[in-house]
Protein backbone atom coordinates (compact mmCIF):
# COMPACT_ATOMS: atom_id res chain seq x y z
CA MET A 1 93.07 101.78 117.36
CA ARG A 2 95.09 98.75 116.44
CA TRP A 3 95.80 98.02 112.81
CA VAL A 4 96.53 94.37 112.21
CA ALA A 5 98.00 94.54 108.72
CA GLY A 6 98.80 91.35 106.90
CA SER A 7 97.36 88.99 109.46
CA TRP A 8 94.39 86.68 109.12
CA HIS A 9 92.45 88.97 111.46
CA SER A 10 92.93 92.01 109.26
CA ARG A 11 90.87 90.33 106.55
CA ARG A 12 88.04 89.77 109.01
CA ARG A 13 88.02 93.11 110.83
CA VAL A 14 89.93 96.19 109.81
CA ILE A 15 88.93 98.47 112.67
CA ARG A 16 90.02 97.09 116.05
CA PRO A 17 89.79 99.77 118.74
CA SER A 18 90.84 98.96 122.25
CA LEU A 19 88.46 99.48 125.15
CA ASP A 20 90.79 102.23 126.38
CA ALA A 21 90.34 104.02 123.06
CA PHE A 22 86.56 104.01 123.52
CA ARG A 23 86.83 105.12 127.12
CA GLY A 24 89.14 108.01 126.25
CA HIS A 25 87.53 109.30 123.06
CA THR A 26 84.12 109.70 121.55
CA TYR A 27 83.54 108.27 118.11
CA PRO A 28 80.16 109.35 116.76
CA ASN A 29 78.63 106.94 114.26
CA TYR A 30 81.28 104.27 114.86
CA ASP A 31 78.71 101.59 114.06
CA LEU A 32 78.12 103.05 110.59
CA ASP A 33 81.83 103.33 109.80
CA PHE A 34 82.46 99.85 111.13
CA GLY A 35 79.65 98.43 109.03
CA LEU A 36 81.04 100.00 105.86
CA VAL A 37 84.50 98.59 106.45
CA ALA A 38 83.43 95.18 107.76
CA LYS A 39 81.43 94.22 104.65
CA ASP A 40 79.70 91.54 106.69
CA PRO A 41 76.30 90.38 105.36
CA LEU A 42 75.15 89.22 108.81
CA LEU A 43 76.08 92.57 110.32
CA ASP A 44 74.22 94.34 107.49
CA ARG A 45 71.16 92.19 108.19
CA PHE A 46 71.41 92.98 111.91
CA HIS A 47 71.57 96.71 111.12
CA ALA A 48 68.49 96.47 108.89
CA THR A 49 66.58 94.51 111.54
CA VAL A 50 67.44 97.00 114.29
CA GLU A 51 66.58 100.01 112.14
CA ALA A 52 63.21 98.45 111.22
CA SER A 53 62.35 97.73 114.85
CA ASP A 54 59.94 99.76 116.97
CA ALA A 55 62.61 100.40 119.60
CA PRO A 56 63.31 104.03 120.51
CA PRO A 57 66.09 105.66 118.45
CA ALA A 58 68.47 105.78 121.44
CA ALA A 59 68.03 102.05 122.03
CA ARG A 60 68.66 101.30 118.35
CA ARG A 61 71.86 103.40 118.35
CA THR A 62 73.04 101.67 121.51
CA ALA A 63 72.39 98.21 120.08
CA LEU A 64 74.25 98.99 116.85
CA PHE A 65 77.18 100.55 118.69
CA ASP A 66 77.46 97.67 121.17
CA VAL A 67 77.50 95.04 118.45
CA ALA A 68 80.06 96.98 116.41
CA CYS A 69 82.30 97.28 119.47
CA ALA A 70 81.97 93.60 120.32
CA SER A 71 82.65 92.59 116.71
CA GLY A 72 85.76 94.73 116.47
CA LEU A 73 87.51 93.37 119.54
């Protein structure tokens, strides 16, 4: 993971894993940890919408993880 301390980006996103980090390691519940740190109302609303959907649990987890990964890059 890259920590971007003191920069403008660090105020927007604290967790910034590289794609190599995701390819080389598993990070269960990354989307939940990312959401707690991000403190982003739109991301919170997205989480609530996905969780309330009728999609299968695996599809919901995938959607949340994908958005968290895209937001952190």
